[in-house]
C-alpha atoms as a PDB file:
ATOM      1  CA  MET A   1       0.001  -0.017   0.011  1.00  0.00           C
ATOM      2  CA  GLU A   2       1.027   3.575  -0.650  1.00  0.00           C
ATOM      3  CA  LEU A   3      -0.168   6.997   0.250  1.00  0.00           C
ATOM      4  CA  LEU A   4      -0.518   9.143  -2.896  1.00  0.00           C
ATOM      5  CA  VAL A   5      -0.365  12.880  -2.174  1.00  0.00           C
ATOM      6  CA  LEU A   6      -1.325  15.366  -4.856  1.00  0.00           C
ATOM      7  CA  VAL A   7      -0.838  19.113  -4.360  1.00  0.00           C
ATOM      8  CA  LEU A   8      -3.049  20.551  -7.094  1.00  0.00           C
ATOM      9  CA  ASN A   9      -2.234  24.130  -8.096  1.00  0.00           C
ATOM     10  CA  GLN A  10      -5.376  24.242 -10.237  1.00  0.00           C
ATOM     11  CA  PRO A  11      -8.206  23.785  -7.735  1.00  0.00           C
ATOM     12  CA  GLU A  12     -10.725  24.224 -10.516  1.00  0.00           C
ATOM     13  CA  ARG A  13      -9.622  20.784 -11.767  1.00  0.00           C
ATOM     14  CA  LEU A  14     -10.293  18.994  -8.488  1.00  0.00           C
ATOM     15  CA  GLU A  15     -13.709  17.686  -9.486  1.00  0.00           C
ATOM     16  CA  GLU A  16     -12.252  16.169 -12.651  1.00  0.00           C
ATOM     17  CA  ILE A  17      -9.514  14.459 -10.572  1.00  0.00           C
ATOM     18  CA  LEU A  18     -11.982  13.008  -8.033  1.00  0.00           C
ATOM     19  CA  GLU A  19     -14.358  11.872 -10.770  1.00  0.00           C
ATOM     20  CA  GLY A  20     -11.450  10.202 -12.598  1.00  0.00           C
ATOM     21  CA  PHE A  21     -10.417   8.436  -9.381  1.00  0.00           C
ATOM     22  CA  LEU A  22     -13.981   7.142  -8.910  1.00  0.00           C
ATOM     23  CA  HIS A  23     -14.094   5.981 -12.527  1.00  0.00           C
ATOM     24  CA  GLU A  24     -10.905   3.980 -11.867  1.00  0.00           C
ATOM     25  CA  GLY A  25     -12.322   2.396  -8.673  1.00  0.00           C
ATOM     26  CA  ILE A  26     -10.462   4.667  -6.229  1.00  0.00           C
ATOM     27  CA  SER A  27     -13.232   5.655  -3.877  1.00  0.00           C
ATOM     28  CA  GLY A  28     -11.601   7.233  -0.875  1.00  0.00           C
ATOM     29  CA  ALA A  29      -9.652  10.478  -0.716  1.00  0.00           C
ATOM     30  CA  THR A  30      -9.260  13.387   1.625  1.00  0.00           C
ATOM     31  CA  VAL A  31      -9.069  16.944   0.254  1.00  0.00           C
ATOM     32  CA  LEU A  32      -7.568  19.850   2.182  1.00  0.00           C
ATOM     33  CA  GLU A  33      -7.244  23.470   1.149  1.00  0.00           C
ATOM     34  CA  SER A  34      -3.548  24.365   1.274  1.00  0.00           C
ATOM     35  CA  THR A  35      -1.240  27.278   0.703  1.00  0.00           C
ATOM     36  CA  GLY A  36       2.176  27.073  -0.886  1.00  0.00           C
ATOM     37  CA  MET A  37       5.395  28.777   0.233  1.00  0.00           C
ATOM     38  CA  GLY A  38       5.241  31.315  -2.542  1.00  0.00           C
ATOM     39  CA  ARG A  39       1.799  32.517  -1.486  1.00  0.00           C
ATOM     40  CA  GLU A  40       2.821  32.798   2.168  1.00  0.00           C
ATOM     41  CA  LEU A  41       5.887  34.838   1.205  1.00  0.00           C
ATOM     42  CA  CYS A  42       3.821  37.082  -1.054  1.00  0.00           C
ATOM     43  CA  GLU A  43       1.229  37.765   1.591  1.00  0.00           C
ATOM     44  CA  LYS A  44       3.257  37.970   4.807  1.00  0.00           C
ATOM     45  CA  THR A  45       6.719  39.152   3.917  1.00  0.00           C
ATOM     46  CA  PRO A  46       6.931  42.775   2.750  1.00  0.00           C
ATOM     47  CA  LEU A  47      10.085  42.205   0.735  1.00  0.00           C
ATOM     48  CA  PHE A  48       8.474  39.487  -1.341  1.00  0.00           C
ATOM     49  CA  GLY A  49       5.090  41.165  -1.361  1.00  0.00           C
ATOM     50  CA  GLY A  50       6.735  44.109  -3.169  1.00  0.00           C
ATOM     51  CA  ILE A  51       7.857  41.884  -5.985  1.00  0.00           C
ATOM     52  CA  ARG A  52       4.757  39.724  -5.992  1.00  0.00           C
ATOM     53  CA  HIS A  53       4.270  40.091  -9.757  1.00  0.00           C
ATOM     54  CA  LEU A  54       7.572  38.299 -10.314  1.00  0.00           C
ATOM     55  CA  ILE A  55       6.701  35.213  -8.308  1.00  0.00           C
ATOM     56  CA  GLN A  56       4.535  32.599 -10.063  1.00  0.00           C
ATOM     57  CA  GLY A  57       3.556  31.043  -6.722  1.00  0.00           C
ATOM     58  CA  CYS A  58       1.143  33.849  -5.747  1.00  0.00           C
ATOM     59  CA  ARG A  59      -2.023  31.843  -6.153  1.00  0.00           C
ATOM     60  CA  PRO A  60      -5.034  32.147  -3.880  1.00  0.00           C
ATOM     61  CA  HIS A  61      -4.764  28.549  -2.693  1.00  0.00           C
ATOM     62  CA  ASN A  62      -4.106  24.983  -3.668  1.00  0.00           C
ATOM     63  CA  VAL A  63      -5.799  21.773  -2.754  1.00  0.00           C
ATOM     64  CA  THR A  64      -4.047  18.750  -1.379  1.00  0.00           C
ATOM     65  CA  VAL A  65      -5.481  15.352  -2.042  1.00  0.00           C
ATOM     66  CA  PHE A  66      -4.519  12.242  -0.019  1.00  0.00           C
ATOM     67  CA  THR A  67      -5.526   8.721  -0.996  1.00  0.00           C
ATOM     68  CA  VAL A  68      -4.317   5.309   0.009  1.00  0.00           C
ATOM     69  CA  VAL A  69      -3.783   3.028  -2.960  1.00  0.00           C
ATOM     70  CA  ARG A  70      -3.637  -0.675  -2.280  1.00  0.00           C
ATOM     71  CA  THR A  71      -1.746  -1.935  -5.342  1.00  0.00           C
ATOM     72  CA  GLU A  72       0.762  -0.828  -7.969  1.00  0.00           C
ATOM     73  CA  GLU A  73      -2.067  -1.061 -10.510  1.00  0.00           C
ATOM     74  CA  GLU A  74      -4.278   1.260  -8.487  1.00  0.00           C
ATOM     75  CA  ARG A  75      -1.404   3.682  -8.041  1.00  0.00           C
ATOM     76  CA  ASN A  76      -0.763   3.689 -11.815  1.00  0.00           C
ATOM     77  CA  LYS A  77      -4.449   4.336 -12.450  1.00  0.00           C
ATOM     78  CA  ALA A  78      -4.461   7.316 -10.091  1.00  0.00           C
ATOM     79  CA  ILE A  79      -1.337   8.736 -11.741  1.00  0.00           C
ATOM     80  CA  LYS A  80      -2.866   8.279 -15.173  1.00  0.00           C
ATOM     81  CA  VAL A  81      -5.935  10.282 -14.032  1.00  0.00           C
ATOM     82  CA  ILE A  82      -3.692  13.046 -12.747  1.00  0.00           C
ATOM     83  CA  HIS A  83      -1.808  13.242 -16.087  1.00  0.00           C
ATOM     84  CA  ASN A  84      -5.018  13.106 -18.073  1.00  0.00           C
ATOM     85  CA  VAL A  85      -6.567  15.995 -16.137  1.00  0.00           C
ATOM     86  CA  ILE A  86      -3.617  18.366 -15.561  1.00  0.00           C
ATOM     87  CA  GLY A  87      -1.259  17.290 -18.274  1.00  0.00           C
ATOM     88  CA  ASP A  88       2.511  17.681 -17.824  1.00  0.00           C
ATOM     89  CA  VAL A  89       3.118  18.063 -14.132  1.00  0.00           C
ATOM     90  CA  THR A  90       6.612  19.357 -14.809  1.00  0.00           C
ATOM     91  CA  LYS A  91       5.196  22.632 -16.200  1.00  0.00           C
ATOM     92  CA  PRO A  92       4.944  25.607 -13.793  1.00  0.00           C
ATOM     93  CA  ASN A  93       1.867  25.858 -11.590  1.00  0.00           C
ATOM     94  CA  ALA A  94       0.595  22.384 -12.423  1.00  0.00           C
ATOM     95  CA  GLY A  95       1.223  20.782  -9.053  1.00  0.00           C
ATOM     96  CA  ILE A  96       3.167  17.875  -7.655  1.00  0.00           C
ATOM     97  CA  TYR A  97       2.398  14.366  -6.637  1.00  0.00           C
ATOM     98  CA  PHE A  98       4.304  11.705  -4.837  1.00  0.00           C
ATOM     99  CA  THR A  99       3.739   8.398  -3.046  1.00  0.00           C
ATOM    100  CA  VAL A 100       5.120   7.031   0.229  1.00  0.00           C
ATOM    101  CA  PRO A 101       4.888   3.474   1.544  1.00  0.00           C
ATOM    102  CA  VAL A 102       2.208   2.766   4.074  1.00  0.00           C
ATOM    103  CA  THR A 103       3.334   0.261   6.660  1.00  0.00           C
ATOM    104  CA  SER A 104       0.325   0.333   8.921  1.00  0.00           C
ATOM    105  CA  VAL A 105      -3.273   1.316   8.412  1.00  0.00           C
ATOM    106  CA  SER A 106      -6.570   1.009  10.223  1.00  0.00           C
ATOM    107  CA  GLY A 107     -10.043   2.206   9.298  1.00  0.00           C
ATOM    108  CA  LEU A 108     -10.038   1.564   5.594  1.00  0.00           C
ATOM    109  CA  VAL A 109     -13.322   0.355   4.257  1.00  0.00           C
ATOM    110  CA  GLU A 110     -13.373  -1.738   1.106  1.00  0.00           C
ATOM    111  CA  PRO A 111     -15.015   0.124  -1.767  1.00  0.00           C
ATOM    112  CA  ILE A 112     -18.502  -0.922  -2.830  1.00  0.00           C
ATOM    113  CA  ARG A 113     -18.325  -2.179  -6.425  1.00  0.00           C
END
């Protein structure tokens, strides 16, 4: 099992991501509103706030999506959804995703299929 974390810099695409997950049988995810470092610096540090127009990170907010994927196949399906919705994640302001191993878990409910 792995925890897939997606920081989505395009919150308007969140619904597409979640619908894509459901379509692929990934039925559980947690979504949090989040703020990136660039935004915090733009808003709270006068030096950076003065040059705000130069920093691409000055977005209102991001969303962070957490989901536990049980298999490599499920992880690959989730990543495929992410790429299909937001495209090339290496482009600026797309977002970032990563996975980390889950060694212990409790409270997961099997999806109804």
